[in-house]
């Protein structure tokens, strides 16, 4: 059985409903074992857009990493994701953060997610549902994550 952690974010439409529906669709394909609180965060990169709601999800699956990526992309399509430009607004975004303890580097998938350790809106909900997870990453990644300041980065619990 494979263990994976996903980050799910949205800043368009009915944000809470988008998150709930994404988790519901995930449950049809994998065994969701934990869902974090909902965190509201300021946008990163392109800041002239609505605030995001973010969660992290822990799951178990028989799927391999690329098959899980396909499931995530299908959910994004079903929820109307349109990729206009990098860091733009989106109805939903599902990212594979970690997959077992594997390092995956392909054209379509990088695991661990390359920017997760510099993003408070990823680390806060991830550590909430999996406090042990930082034990399985490199020392530099762990230090980067531990140096984050959630409140200074505009990350706050929106709904426990």
C-alpha atoms as a PDB file:
ATOM      1  CA  UNK A   1       0.000   0.000   0.000  1.00  0.00           C
ATOM      2  CA  UNK A   2       1.321   3.433  -0.946  1.00  0.00           C
ATOM      3  CA  UNK A   3       1.018   6.436   1.369  1.00  0.00           C
ATOM      4  CA  UNK A   4       0.749   9.907  -0.118  1.00  0.00           C
ATOM      5  CA  UNK A   5       0.083  13.452   1.023  1.00  0.00           C
ATOM      6  CA  UNK A   6      -1.698  15.998  -1.156  1.00  0.00           C
ATOM      7  CA  UNK A   7      -2.201  19.729  -0.942  1.00  0.00           C
ATOM      8  CA  UNK A   8      -5.529  21.040  -2.224  1.00  0.00           C
ATOM      9  CA  UNK A   9      -6.223  24.733  -2.775  1.00  0.00           C
ATOM     10  CA  UNK A  10      -8.907  26.971  -4.251  1.00  0.00           C
ATOM     11  CA  UNK A  11      -9.614  30.682  -4.552  1.00  0.00           C
ATOM     12  CA  UNK A  12     -12.515  30.849  -7.020  1.00  0.00           C
ATOM     13  CA  UNK A  13     -16.201  30.148  -6.612  1.00  0.00           C
ATOM     14  CA  UNK A  14     -17.557  28.427  -3.530  1.00  0.00           C
ATOM     15  CA  UNK A  15     -14.186  27.669  -2.001  1.00  0.00           C
ATOM     16  CA  UNK A  16     -15.312  25.399   0.857  1.00  0.00           C
ATOM     17  CA  UNK A  17     -17.547  23.440  -1.499  1.00  0.00           C
ATOM     18  CA  UNK A  18     -14.680  23.064  -3.972  1.00  0.00           C
ATOM     19  CA  UNK A  19     -12.484  21.529  -1.267  1.00  0.00           C
ATOM     20  CA  UNK A  20     -15.236  19.224  -0.022  1.00  0.00           C
ATOM     21  CA  UNK A  21     -16.065  18.025  -3.525  1.00  0.00           C
ATOM     22  CA  UNK A  22     -12.401  17.397  -4.348  1.00  0.00           C
ATOM     23  CA  UNK A  23     -12.069  15.241  -1.207  1.00  0.00           C
ATOM     24  CA  UNK A  24     -15.317  13.437  -2.062  1.00  0.00           C
ATOM     25  CA  UNK A  25     -13.985  12.623  -5.548  1.00  0.00           C
ATOM     26  CA  UNK A  26     -10.657  11.489  -4.081  1.00  0.00           C
ATOM     27  CA  UNK A  27     -12.484   9.103  -1.739  1.00  0.00           C
ATOM     28  CA  UNK A  28     -13.914   7.323  -4.796  1.00  0.00           C
ATOM     29  CA  UNK A  29     -10.376   6.461  -5.959  1.00  0.00           C
ATOM     30  CA  UNK A  30      -8.238   6.148  -2.813  1.00  0.00           C
ATOM     31  CA  UNK A  31      -8.508   5.633   0.948  1.00  0.00           C
ATOM     32  CA  UNK A  32      -8.391   9.124   2.479  1.00  0.00           C
ATOM     33  CA  UNK A  33      -7.029   8.657   6.007  1.00  0.00           C
ATOM     34  CA  UNK A  34      -6.867  12.277   7.220  1.00  0.00           C
ATOM     35  CA  UNK A  35      -7.999  15.746   6.190  1.00  0.00           C
ATOM     36  CA  UNK A  36      -6.557  18.873   7.802  1.00  0.00           C
ATOM     37  CA  UNK A  37      -8.374  21.946   8.980  1.00  0.00           C
ATOM     38  CA  UNK A  38      -9.051  24.534   6.292  1.00  0.00           C
ATOM     39  CA  UNK A  39      -6.463  27.315   6.174  1.00  0.00           C
ATOM     40  CA  UNK A  40      -6.981  30.692   4.524  1.00  0.00           C
ATOM     41  CA  UNK A  41      -3.907  32.177   2.911  1.00  0.00           C
ATOM     42  CA  UNK A  42      -2.880  35.166   0.894  1.00  0.00           C
ATOM     43  CA  UNK A  43      -2.044  34.375  -2.736  1.00  0.00           C
ATOM     44  CA  UNK A  44       1.596  33.706  -3.640  1.00  0.00           C
ATOM     45  CA  UNK A  45       3.260  34.990  -6.802  1.00  0.00           C
ATOM     46  CA  UNK A  46       0.361  36.868  -8.388  1.00  0.00           C
ATOM     47  CA  UNK A  47      -1.092  38.722  -5.405  1.00  0.00           C
ATOM     48  CA  UNK A  48      -3.959  40.575  -7.138  1.00  0.00           C
ATOM     49  CA  UNK A  49      -6.490  37.765  -6.704  1.00  0.00           C
ATOM     50  CA  UNK A  50      -8.777  36.368  -3.991  1.00  0.00           C
ATOM     51  CA  UNK A  51      -7.396  34.607  -0.919  1.00  0.00           C
ATOM     52  CA  UNK A  52      -6.971  30.840  -1.060  1.00  0.00           C
ATOM     53  CA  UNK A  53      -8.425  28.117   1.097  1.00  0.00           C
ATOM     54  CA  UNK A  54      -6.007  25.203   1.513  1.00  0.00           C
ATOM     55  CA  UNK A  55      -6.047  21.760   3.075  1.00  0.00           C
ATOM     56  CA  UNK A  56      -3.789  18.742   3.125  1.00  0.00           C
ATOM     57  CA  UNK A  57      -4.970  15.171   2.765  1.00  0.00           C
ATOM     58  CA  UNK A  58      -3.279  11.917   3.766  1.00  0.00           C
ATOM     59  CA  UNK A  59      -4.186   8.841   1.770  1.00  0.00           C
ATOM     60  CA  UNK A  60      -3.416   5.204   1.104  1.00  0.00           C
ATOM     61  CA  UNK A  61      -3.662   3.745  -2.366  1.00  0.00           C
ATOM     62  CA  UNK A  62      -2.675   0.854  -4.581  1.00  0.00           C
ATOM     63  CA  UNK A  63      -2.068   3.409  -7.346  1.00  0.00           C
ATOM     64  CA  UNK A  64       1.459   4.293  -8.353  1.00  0.00           C
ATOM     65  CA  UNK A  65       2.493   7.959  -8.253  1.00  0.00           C
ATOM     66  CA  UNK A  66       1.766   8.784 -11.898  1.00  0.00           C
ATOM     67  CA  UNK A  67      -1.640   7.094 -11.733  1.00  0.00           C
ATOM     68  CA  UNK A  68      -2.423   9.189  -8.635  1.00  0.00           C
ATOM     69  CA  UNK A  69      -1.333  12.287 -10.568  1.00  0.00           C
ATOM     70  CA  UNK A  70      -3.819  11.342 -13.294  1.00  0.00           C
ATOM     71  CA  UNK A  71      -6.591  11.056 -10.687  1.00  0.00           C
ATOM     72  CA  UNK A  72      -5.677  14.516  -9.344  1.00  0.00           C
ATOM     73  CA  UNK A  73      -5.740  16.028 -12.832  1.00  0.00           C
ATOM     74  CA  UNK A  74      -9.120  14.423 -13.581  1.00  0.00           C
ATOM     75  CA  UNK A  75     -10.539  15.940 -10.392  1.00  0.00           C
ATOM     76  CA  UNK A  76      -9.149  19.341 -11.400  1.00  0.00           C
ATOM     77  CA  UNK A  77     -10.847  19.019 -14.791  1.00  0.00           C
ATOM     78  CA  UNK A  78     -14.141  17.949 -13.239  1.00  0.00           C
ATOM     79  CA  UNK A  79     -14.068  20.995 -10.967  1.00  0.00           C
ATOM     80  CA  UNK A  80     -13.388  23.336 -13.892  1.00  0.00           C
ATOM     81  CA  UNK A  81      -9.684  24.067 -13.445  1.00  0.00           C
ATOM     82  CA  UNK A  82      -8.398  26.357 -16.192  1.00  0.00           C
ATOM     83  CA  UNK A  83      -4.653  26.989 -16.362  1.00  0.00           C
ATOM     84  CA  UNK A  84      -4.342  30.540 -17.689  1.00  0.00           C
ATOM     85  CA  UNK A  85      -0.968  31.403 -16.170  1.00  0.00           C
ATOM     86  CA  UNK A  86       1.356  30.296 -13.382  1.00  0.00           C
ATOM     87  CA  UNK A  87       0.149  31.137  -9.881  1.00  0.00           C
ATOM     88  CA  UNK A  88      -3.137  32.434 -11.259  1.00  0.00           C
ATOM     89  CA  UNK A  89      -6.555  32.021  -9.686  1.00  0.00           C
ATOM     90  CA  UNK A  90      -8.058  28.547  -9.790  1.00  0.00           C
ATOM     91  CA  UNK A  91     -11.210  26.689  -8.891  1.00  0.00           C
ATOM     92  CA  UNK A  92      -9.091  23.826  -7.561  1.00  0.00           C
ATOM     93  CA  UNK A  93      -5.468  22.712  -7.437  1.00  0.00           C
ATOM     94  CA  UNK A  94      -4.301  19.278  -6.278  1.00  0.00           C
ATOM     95  CA  UNK A  95      -0.581  18.697  -5.756  1.00  0.00           C
ATOM     96  CA  UNK A  96       1.161  15.503  -4.707  1.00  0.00           C
ATOM     97  CA  UNK A  97       3.512  16.573  -1.920  1.00  0.00           C
ATOM     98  CA  UNK A  98       4.965  13.241  -0.820  1.00  0.00           C
ATOM     99  CA  UNK A  99       4.613   9.671  -2.064  1.00  0.00           C
ATOM    100  CA  UNK A 100       5.934   7.050   0.346  1.00  0.00           C
ATOM    101  CA  UNK A 101       9.509   8.168   0.977  1.00  0.00           C
ATOM    102  CA  UNK A 102      10.281   8.308  -2.724  1.00  0.00           C
ATOM    103  CA  UNK A 103      12.106  10.912  -4.746  1.00  0.00           C
ATOM    104  CA  UNK A 104      10.449  11.114  -8.155  1.00  0.00           C
ATOM    105  CA  UNK A 105      11.829  13.275 -10.946  1.00  0.00           C
ATOM    106  CA  UNK A 106      10.006  13.009 -14.251  1.00  0.00           C
ATOM    107  CA  UNK A 107       8.781  15.573 -16.737  1.00  0.00           C
ATOM    108  CA  UNK A 108       5.272  15.432 -15.287  1.00  0.00           C
ATOM    109  CA  UNK A 109       5.929  14.827 -11.581  1.00  0.00           C
ATOM    110  CA  UNK A 110       8.422  15.981  -8.956  1.00  0.00           C
ATOM    111  CA  UNK A 111       8.176  14.444  -5.471  1.00  0.00           C
ATOM    112  CA  UNK A 112       8.729  15.778  -2.875  1.00  0.00           C
ATOM    113  CA  UNK A 113       6.932  18.790  -4.324  1.00  0.00           C
ATOM    114  CA  UNK A 114       9.785  21.206  -5.111  1.00  0.00           C
ATOM    115  CA  UNK A 115       8.332  24.271  -3.339  1.00  0.00           C
ATOM    116  CA  UNK A 116       6.444  22.680  -0.464  1.00  0.00           C
ATOM    117  CA  UNK A 117       9.110  23.425   2.149  1.00  0.00           C
ATOM    118  CA  UNK A 118       8.994  27.161   1.465  1.00  0.00           C
ATOM    119  CA  UNK A 119       5.192  27.422   1.687  1.00  0.00           C
ATOM    120  CA  UNK A 120       3.509  27.934   5.034  1.00  0.00           C
ATOM    121  CA  UNK A 121       0.120  27.191   3.476  1.00  0.00           C
ATOM    122  CA  UNK A 122       1.383  23.673   2.697  1.00  0.00           C
ATOM    123  CA  UNK A 123       3.455  22.914   5.799  1.00  0.00           C
ATOM    124  CA  UNK A 124       0.886  24.128   8.382  1.00  0.00           C
ATOM    125  CA  UNK A 125      -1.918  21.751   7.305  1.00  0.00           C
ATOM    126  CA  UNK A 126       0.536  18.954   6.475  1.00  0.00           C
ATOM    127  CA  UNK A 127       2.141  18.966   9.925  1.00  0.00           C
ATOM    128  CA  UNK A 128      -1.337  19.129  11.480  1.00  0.00           C
ATOM    129  CA  UNK A 129      -2.307  15.743   9.987  1.00  0.00           C
ATOM    130  CA  UNK A 130       1.173  14.184   9.893  1.00  0.00           C
ATOM    131  CA  UNK A 131       3.491  15.709  12.515  1.00  0.00           C
ATOM    132  CA  UNK A 132       6.062  12.981  11.838  1.00  0.00           C
ATOM    133  CA  UNK A 133       6.355  13.710   8.124  1.00  0.00           C
ATOM    134  CA  UNK A 134       9.320  16.076   8.397  1.00  0.00           C
ATOM    135  CA  UNK A 135      11.408  13.241   9.865  1.00  0.00           C
ATOM    136  CA  UNK A 136      11.525  11.658   6.416  1.00  0.00           C
ATOM    137  CA  UNK A 137      12.913  14.583   4.413  1.00  0.00           C
ATOM    138  CA  UNK A 138      16.416  15.968   4.064  1.00  0.00           C
ATOM    139  CA  UNK A 139      17.919  18.097   6.826  1.00  0.00           C
ATOM    140  CA  UNK A 140      17.904  21.199   4.607  1.00  0.00           C
ATOM    141  CA  UNK A 141      14.221  20.660   3.731  1.00  0.00           C
ATOM    142  CA  UNK A 142      13.345  20.173   7.401  1.00  0.00           C
ATOM    143  CA  UNK A 143      15.212  23.356   8.388  1.00  0.00           C
ATOM    144  CA  UNK A 144      13.502  25.303   5.622  1.00  0.00           C
ATOM    145  CA  UNK A 145      10.067  24.133   6.791  1.00  0.00           C
ATOM    146  CA  UNK A 146      10.844  24.808  10.463  1.00  0.00           C
ATOM    147  CA  UNK A 147      11.959  28.363   9.632  1.00  0.00           C
ATOM    148  CA  UNK A 148       8.537  29.293   8.246  1.00  0.00           C
ATOM    149  CA  UNK A 149       6.485  31.854  10.157  1.00  0.00           C
ATOM    150  CA  UNK A 150       2.854  30.928   9.547  1.00  0.00           C
ATOM    151  CA  UNK A 151       1.312  34.113  10.929  1.00  0.00           C
ATOM    152  CA  UNK A 152       3.784  36.403   9.142  1.00  0.00           C
ATOM    153  CA  UNK A 153       3.051  34.510   5.923  1.00  0.00           C
ATOM    154  CA  UNK A 154      -0.676  35.174   6.311  1.00  0.00           C
ATOM    155  CA  UNK A 155      -1.682  31.585   7.074  1.00  0.00           C
ATOM    156  CA  UNK A 156      -4.544  31.173   9.536  1.00  0.00           C
ATOM    157  CA  UNK A 157      -7.019  28.440  10.375  1.00  0.00           C
ATOM    158  CA  UNK A 158     -10.221  29.288   8.518  1.00  0.00           C
ATOM    159  CA  UNK A 159     -12.266  26.331   9.700  1.00  0.00           C
ATOM    160  CA  UNK A 160     -11.018  23.608  12.057  1.00  0.00           C
END
